[in-house]
Protein backbone atom coordinates (compact mmCIF):
# COMPACT_ATOMS: atom_id res chain seq x y z
CA TYR A 1 -15.52 30.64 24.41
CA LEU A 2 -13.86 31.71 27.63
CA ASP A 3 -10.82 33.04 25.78
CA ASP A 4 -13.09 35.61 24.13
CA HIS A 5 -13.57 37.30 27.51
CA ALA A 6 -11.13 39.52 29.34
CA PHE A 7 -11.86 41.10 32.70
CA PRO A 8 -9.73 43.37 34.89
CA GLY A 9 -7.56 41.40 37.31
CA MET A 10 -8.42 38.06 35.73
CA ALA A 11 -6.01 35.24 36.54
CA HIS A 12 -5.36 32.15 34.40
CA ALA A 13 -4.94 28.52 35.41
CA VAL A 14 -3.14 25.56 33.87
CA VAL A 15 -3.59 21.97 34.99
CA VAL A 16 -0.45 19.83 35.28
CA ARG A 17 -1.46 16.37 34.05
CA SER A 18 0.03 12.91 34.40
CA PRO A 19 2.02 11.54 31.45
CA HIS A 20 1.52 8.03 32.90
CA ALA A 21 -1.44 5.66 32.66
CA HIS A 22 -0.68 4.18 36.08
CA ALA A 23 1.99 5.37 38.52
CA LEU A 24 2.68 6.16 42.13
CA ILE A 25 3.37 9.81 42.93
CA ARG A 26 6.56 9.79 45.02
CA SER A 27 6.76 13.56 45.46
CA ILE A 28 5.60 16.88 44.02
CA ASP A 29 7.97 19.85 44.22
CA THR A 30 6.27 23.17 43.48
CA ALA A 31 9.06 25.48 44.73
CA GLU A 32 10.47 26.44 41.33
CA ALA A 33 7.00 26.94 39.88
CA LEU A 34 6.04 29.20 42.80
CA ARG A 35 9.14 31.35 42.16
CA SER A 36 8.18 31.87 38.49
CA PRO A 37 7.16 35.42 37.53
CA GLY A 38 3.46 36.20 37.77
CA VAL A 39 2.52 33.02 39.66
CA LEU A 40 -0.22 33.44 42.25
CA ALA A 41 -0.58 29.83 43.46
CA VAL A 42 0.48 26.26 42.74
CA LEU A 43 -1.97 23.79 44.25
CA THR A 44 -1.78 20.05 44.87
CA ALA A 45 -4.11 17.52 46.49
CA ASP A 46 -2.66 18.48 49.88
CA ASP A 47 -3.93 22.04 49.43
CA GLY A 48 -7.39 20.77 48.52
CA ALA A 49 -7.44 18.53 51.60
CA ARG A 50 -6.47 21.47 53.85
CA ASP A 51 -9.36 23.44 52.34
CA GLY A 52 -11.77 20.56 52.97
CA LEU A 53 -12.43 19.86 49.30
CA LYS A 54 -13.88 16.42 48.67
CA ALA A 55 -13.47 13.99 45.79
CA LEU A 56 -16.09 13.78 43.04
CA ARG A 57 -18.61 10.95 43.30
CA PRO A 58 -20.58 9.34 40.46
CA SER A 59 -24.11 10.51 39.64
CA TYR A 60 -25.40 7.06 40.60
CA GLU A 61 -23.84 4.98 43.34
CA ILE A 62 -26.21 2.05 43.01
CA ASN A 63 -27.59 0.02 40.10
CA VAL A 64 -30.98 1.67 39.69
CA LYS A 65 -32.49 -1.60 38.42
CA THR A 66 -31.28 -3.92 41.21
CA GLY A 67 -30.24 -1.67 44.10
CA GLU A 68 -26.77 -3.25 44.00
CA PRO A 69 -24.07 -0.77 45.09
CA LEU A 70 -21.43 0.11 42.50
CA ALA A 71 -17.76 -0.41 43.29
CA PHE A 72 -15.95 2.86 42.64
CA LEU A 73 -13.16 5.11 43.78
CA PRO A 74 -14.27 8.72 44.36
CA GLN A 75 -12.39 10.85 41.81
CA PRO A 76 -10.04 13.29 43.53
CA LEU A 77 -9.88 16.80 42.11
CA LEU A 78 -6.09 16.40 41.99
CA ALA A 79 -4.39 12.99 42.15
CA VAL A 80 -3.62 11.66 45.62
CA GLY A 81 -0.64 9.32 45.84
CA LYS A 82 -1.30 7.61 42.53
CA VAL A 83 -2.37 8.43 38.97
CA ARG A 84 -4.75 6.10 37.18
CA TYR A 85 -4.92 7.50 33.64
CA VAL A 86 -2.90 9.61 31.24
CA GLY A 87 -3.95 13.21 31.72
CA GLU A 88 -5.14 12.85 35.31
CA PRO A 89 -4.83 16.27 37.02
CA VAL A 90 -1.94 16.36 39.50
CA ALA A 91 -1.34 20.09 40.14
CA PHE A 92 -3.08 23.38 39.41
CA VAL A 93 -1.09 26.52 38.58
CA VAL A 94 -2.65 29.99 38.80
CA ALA A 95 -0.87 33.02 37.36
CA GLU A 96 -1.51 36.55 36.18
CA THR A 97 -1.31 35.54 32.51
CA LEU A 98 -1.70 32.34 30.54
CA PRO A 99 1.94 32.33 29.36
CA ALA A 100 3.08 32.73 32.99
CA ALA A 101 0.86 29.81 34.07
CA LEU A 102 2.16 27.62 31.23
CA HIS A 103 5.76 28.51 32.07
CA ALA A 104 5.28 27.68 35.75
CA ALA A 105 3.42 24.44 35.00
CA GLU A 106 6.53 23.16 33.24
CA ARG A 107 8.47 23.78 36.46
CA VAL A 108 6.31 21.60 38.71
CA ALA A 109 8.60 18.63 39.42
CA ILE A 110 6.73 15.36 39.95
CA ASP A 111 8.55 12.14 40.78
CA TYR A 112 6.52 9.21 39.42
CA SER A 113 7.12 5.51 39.89
CA PRO A 114 5.39 3.89 36.88
CA LEU A 115 3.18 0.86 37.49
CA THR A 116 1.90 -1.74 35.04
CA ALA A 117 -1.08 -0.39 33.14
CA VAL A 118 -3.90 -1.97 31.19
CA THR A 119 -5.82 -0.09 28.52
CA ALA A 120 -8.43 -2.58 27.33
CA PRO A 121 -11.50 -3.60 29.37
CA ASP A 122 -10.91 -7.34 28.85
CA ALA A 123 -7.30 -7.01 30.01
CA ALA A 124 -8.39 -5.02 33.07
CA LEU A 125 -10.83 -7.80 34.05
CA ALA A 126 -8.34 -10.65 33.52
CA PRO A 127 -7.15 -12.55 36.61
CA GLY A 128 -4.04 -10.92 38.04
CA ALA A 129 -4.57 -7.61 36.22
CA PRO A 130 -3.19 -4.57 38.06
CA LEU A 131 -5.82 -3.10 40.35
CA ILE A 132 -6.73 0.48 39.53
CA ALA A 133 -8.28 1.00 42.97
CA ASP A 134 -8.35 -1.21 46.05
CA SER A 135 -12.04 -0.35 46.50
CA VAL A 136 -12.87 -1.93 43.10
CA PRO A 137 -12.05 -5.65 43.33
CA GLY A 138 -11.07 -7.12 39.97
CA ASN A 139 -11.54 -3.67 38.37
CA LEU A 140 -15.26 -4.48 37.94
CA VAL A 141 -17.53 -1.56 38.76
CA LEU A 142 -20.80 -3.20 37.72
CA ASP A 143 -22.09 -6.44 36.21
CA TRP A 144 -25.56 -5.58 35.02
CA GLU A 145 -28.23 -7.71 33.40
CA THR A 146 -31.61 -6.42 32.38
CA GLY A 147 -34.71 -8.01 30.89
CA ASP A 148 -36.25 -11.46 31.39
CA THR A 149 -33.11 -13.54 31.99
CA VAL A 150 -35.05 -16.72 32.87
CA GLY A 151 -37.34 -16.40 29.85
CA VAL A 152 -34.45 -15.82 27.45
CA ALA A 153 -32.55 -18.83 28.85
CA ALA A 154 -35.63 -21.02 28.40
CA ALA A 155 -36.15 -19.81 24.82
CA LEU A 156 -32.52 -20.50 23.94
CA ALA A 157 -32.75 -23.98 25.47
CA ARG A 158 -35.71 -24.79 23.13
CA ALA A 159 -34.20 -23.17 20.03
CA ALA A 160 -33.28 -25.33 17.06
CA HIS A 161 -30.20 -23.20 16.41
CA VAL A 162 -28.27 -20.79 18.59
CA VAL A 163 -25.75 -18.35 17.17
CA SER A 164 -23.27 -16.65 19.51
CA GLN A 165 -21.28 -13.57 18.69
CA ARG A 166 -19.18 -11.25 20.79
CA ILE A 167 -19.69 -7.60 19.89
CA GLY A 168 -17.40 -4.91 21.21
CA ASN A 169 -18.91 -1.46 21.52
CA HIS A 170 -16.77 1.63 21.10
CA ARG A 171 -16.46 3.99 24.01
CA ILE A 172 -19.05 6.71 23.77
CA VAL A 173 -17.83 10.17 24.70
CA THR A 174 -18.75 13.72 23.88
CA ASN A 175 -16.09 15.86 22.24
CA PRO A 176 -16.74 19.54 22.86
CA MET A 177 -14.61 22.05 20.99
CA GLU A 178 -13.96 23.68 24.35
CA PRO A 179 -14.19 21.95 27.73
CA ARG A 180 -16.60 23.18 30.33
CA GLY A 181 -15.21 26.29 31.89
CA ALA A 182 -16.20 29.24 34.00
CA ILE A 183 -14.95 32.68 34.95
CA GLY A 184 -15.99 33.72 38.43
CA PHE A 185 -15.93 36.99 40.34
CA TYR A 186 -16.41 37.32 44.07
CA ASP A 187 -17.58 40.74 45.34
CA ILE A 188 -16.38 41.15 48.91
CA ALA A 189 -18.73 44.07 49.62
CA SER A 190 -21.93 42.26 48.64
CA GLY A 191 -20.81 38.69 49.30
CA HIS A 192 -22.05 37.69 45.85
CA THR A 193 -20.31 35.61 43.23
CA THR A 194 -20.95 36.13 39.50
CA VAL A 195 -20.06 33.26 37.19
CA HIS A 196 -19.78 33.38 33.38
CA ALA A 197 -20.08 29.80 32.15
């Protein structure tokens, strides 16, 4: 666990996350947080853009079976203009201690304008549902079939009885006790970085 390690001069970070499932970000005021004792930096998407940081992209951008491109919105490191899920990172506070970072994070003032949200896949795909991203028409990333579609259709057409059932699958996620984390050190003299992960 990262909290088991302490190194000289180590700083701590806290992510300020959205309390909204879907909202426009009208403004982010970091002034009070920056004035908090022990704060080293308060970063937003604008800071990342100035540093040339890019959004995260999916591991696969095409359907590997059909070659069809996926519709997706690259995931920004910190929300840009809009939040799309509860807990989306909006700001990043760095301070000398964890309590100082937590204290400052509470002082980041974000003005949200809530939008209609949908939380179920069927509702997100319904006509007129709020769009999560303009680059994903109808909120549909991928419609994927696999197997012998023609053969199955022919077999069903000849079958004496056909039973239909809709089965909803739960969302499959991993639940680590601690999220992925790293502690990094940059040595100016050698130009090397050491990372404990």
